[in-house]
C-alpha atoms as a PDB file:
ATOM      1  CA  MET A   1       0.000   0.000   0.000  1.00  0.00           C
ATOM      2  CA  HIS A   2       1.271   3.462  -0.822  1.00  0.00           C
ATOM      3  CA  GLU A   3       2.768   5.274   2.192  1.00  0.00           C
ATOM      4  CA  SER A   4       0.522   8.335   1.830  1.00  0.00           C
ATOM      5  CA  MET A   5      -2.546   6.073   1.911  1.00  0.00           C
ATOM      6  CA  VAL A   6      -1.314   4.416   5.089  1.00  0.00           C
ATOM      7  CA  GLU A   7      -0.746   7.816   6.704  1.00  0.00           C
ATOM      8  CA  GLU A   8      -4.194   8.997   5.675  1.00  0.00           C
ATOM      9  CA  ILE A   9      -5.863   5.884   7.090  1.00  0.00           C
ATOM     10  CA  ALA A  10      -3.919   6.224  10.341  1.00  0.00           C
ATOM     11  CA  GLU A  11      -4.882   9.883  10.673  1.00  0.00           C
ATOM     12  CA  ASN A  12      -8.535   9.103  10.025  1.00  0.00           C
ATOM     13  CA  ARG A  13      -8.587   6.329  12.600  1.00  0.00           C
ATOM     14  CA  GLY A  14      -6.772   8.476  15.141  1.00  0.00           C
ATOM     15  CA  TYR A  15      -9.181  11.329  14.575  1.00  0.00           C
ATOM     16  CA  ASP A  16     -12.120   9.024  15.031  1.00  0.00           C
ATOM     17  CA  ARG A  17     -10.763   7.670  18.318  1.00  0.00           C
ATOM     18  CA  GLY A  18     -10.091  11.200  19.549  1.00  0.00           C
ATOM     19  CA  PHE A  19     -13.513  12.391  18.495  1.00  0.00           C
ATOM     20  CA  THR A  20     -15.184   9.414  20.144  1.00  0.00           C
ATOM     21  CA  ALA A  21     -13.210   9.928  23.355  1.00  0.00           C
ATOM     22  CA  GLY A  22     -14.069  13.640  23.359  1.00  0.00           C
ATOM     23  CA  THR A  23     -17.742  12.921  22.797  1.00  0.00           C
ATOM     24  CA  LYS A  24     -17.764  10.384  25.635  1.00  0.00           C
ATOM     25  CA  HIS A  25     -15.992  12.854  27.925  1.00  0.00           C
ATOM     26  CA  ALA A  26     -18.554  15.588  27.148  1.00  0.00           C
ATOM     27  CA  HIS A  27     -21.413  13.145  27.719  1.00  0.00           C
ATOM     28  CA  ASP A  28     -19.902  12.008  31.043  1.00  0.00           C
ATOM     29  CA  LEU A  29     -19.436  15.600  32.206  1.00  0.00           C
ATOM     30  CA  LEU A  30     -23.053  16.398  31.415  1.00  0.00           C
ATOM     31  CA  SER A  31     -24.177  13.219  33.176  1.00  0.00           C
ATOM     32  CA  ASN A  32     -22.282  14.215  36.310  1.00  0.00           C
ATOM     33  CA  TYR A  33     -23.772  17.695  36.180  1.00  0.00           C
ATOM     34  CA  VAL A  34     -27.290  16.265  35.745  1.00  0.00           C
ATOM     35  CA  GLN A  35     -26.733  13.985  38.727  1.00  0.00           C
ATOM     36  CA  TRP A  36     -25.664  16.967  40.843  1.00  0.00           C
ATOM     37  CA  PHE A  37     -28.857  18.820  39.858  1.00  0.00           C
ATOM     38  CA  LYS A  38     -30.966  15.752  40.687  1.00  0.00           C
ATOM     39  CA  ASP A  39     -29.305  15.364  44.088  1.00  0.00           C
ATOM     40  CA  TYR A  40     -29.795  19.038  44.903  1.00  0.00           C
ATOM     41  CA  ARG A  41     -33.396  18.916  43.674  1.00  0.00           C
ATOM     42  CA  ALA A  42     -34.000  15.983  46.050  1.00  0.00           C
ATOM     43  CA  VAL A  43     -32.690  18.079  48.941  1.00  0.00           C
ATOM     44  CA  LEU A  44     -35.035  20.913  47.999  1.00  0.00           C
ATOM     45  CA  GLU A  45     -37.968  18.503  47.776  1.00  0.00           C
ATOM     46  CA  ASP A  46     -37.173  17.144  51.240  1.00  0.00           C
ATOM     47  CA  GLU A  47     -37.042  20.647  52.700  1.00  0.00           C
ATOM     48  CA  GLY A  48     -40.492  21.438  51.305  1.00  0.00           C
ATOM     49  CA  GLY A  49     -41.869  24.846  50.432  1.00  0.00           C
ATOM     50  CA  CYS A  50     -39.413  25.219  47.565  1.00  0.00           C
ATOM     51  CA  SER A  51     -41.640  24.177  44.666  1.00  0.00           C
ATOM     52  CA  HIS A  52     -40.471  27.075  42.491  1.00  0.00           C
ATOM     53  CA  ASP A  53     -36.826  26.068  42.971  1.00  0.00           C
ATOM     54  CA  VAL A  54     -37.617  22.391  42.423  1.00  0.00           C
ATOM     55  CA  ASN A  55     -39.344  23.253  39.131  1.00  0.00           C
ATOM     56  CA  LEU A  56     -36.412  25.438  38.110  1.00  0.00           C
ATOM     57  CA  PHE A  57     -33.955  22.622  38.819  1.00  0.00           C
ATOM     58  CA  GLN A  58     -36.115  20.219  36.813  1.00  0.00           C
ATOM     59  CA  LYS A  59     -36.019  22.609  33.859  1.00  0.00           C
ATOM     60  CA  HIS A  60     -32.221  22.705  34.089  1.00  0.00           C
ATOM     61  CA  ILE A  61     -32.147  18.902  34.195  1.00  0.00           C
ATOM     62  CA  ASN A  62     -34.333  18.722  31.087  1.00  0.00           C
ATOM     63  CA  VAL A  63     -32.057  21.124  29.201  1.00  0.00           C
ATOM     64  CA  LEU A  64     -28.960  19.155  30.177  1.00  0.00           C
ATOM     65  CA  GLU A  65     -30.577  15.862  29.165  1.00  0.00           C
ATOM     66  CA  ASN A  66     -31.342  17.417  25.765  1.00  0.00           C
ATOM     67  CA  ALA A  67     -27.707  18.549  25.536  1.00  0.00           C
ATOM     68  CA  LYS A  68     -26.602  14.956  26.191  1.00  0.00           C
ATOM     69  CA  LEU A  69     -28.832  13.804  23.342  1.00  0.00           C
ATOM     70  CA  LEU A  70     -27.330  16.458  21.093  1.00  0.00           C
ATOM     71  CA  VAL A  71     -23.796  15.288  21.946  1.00  0.00           C
ATOM     72  CA  ARG A  72     -24.773  11.666  21.217  1.00  0.00           C
ATOM     73  CA  LYS A  73     -26.372  12.577  17.882  1.00  0.00           C
ATOM     74  CA  GLY A  74     -23.447  14.739  16.867  1.00  0.00           C
ATOM     75  CA  HIS A  75     -25.480  17.236  14.890  1.00  0.00           C
ATOM     76  CA  TRP A  76     -28.112  19.926  15.318  1.00  0.00           C
ATOM     77  CA  ASP A  77     -31.401  19.807  13.464  1.00  0.00           C
ATOM     78  CA  SER A  78     -33.539  22.926  13.916  1.00  0.00           C
ATOM     79  CA  ASP A  79     -36.610  21.121  12.499  1.00  0.00           C
ATOM     80  CA  GLU A  80     -36.418  18.544  15.308  1.00  0.00           C
ATOM     81  CA  ALA A  81     -35.999  21.339  17.871  1.00  0.00           C
ATOM     82  CA  ARG A  82     -39.271  22.908  16.779  1.00  0.00           C
ATOM     83  CA  THR A  83     -41.209  19.625  16.834  1.00  0.00           C
ATOM     84  CA  GLY A  84     -39.485  17.976  19.809  1.00  0.00           C
END
């Protein structure tokens, strides 16, 4: 196989591994952040009388879960955003 072809294949595979690792890292960070919000929301629920804050935390959780989906999909589709 020609040397330039081998280099190109190696670069493509390396890029893919790096991209995949970066995507997983972003997804894991968002998952940790979501878990923190869920834990804090549970504390607010236990305290009672904080329904506004609980709802606000739930909205943040929903946004972060959507961000995780966006990272997994790897692309943005404005048509889906309007219908979803």
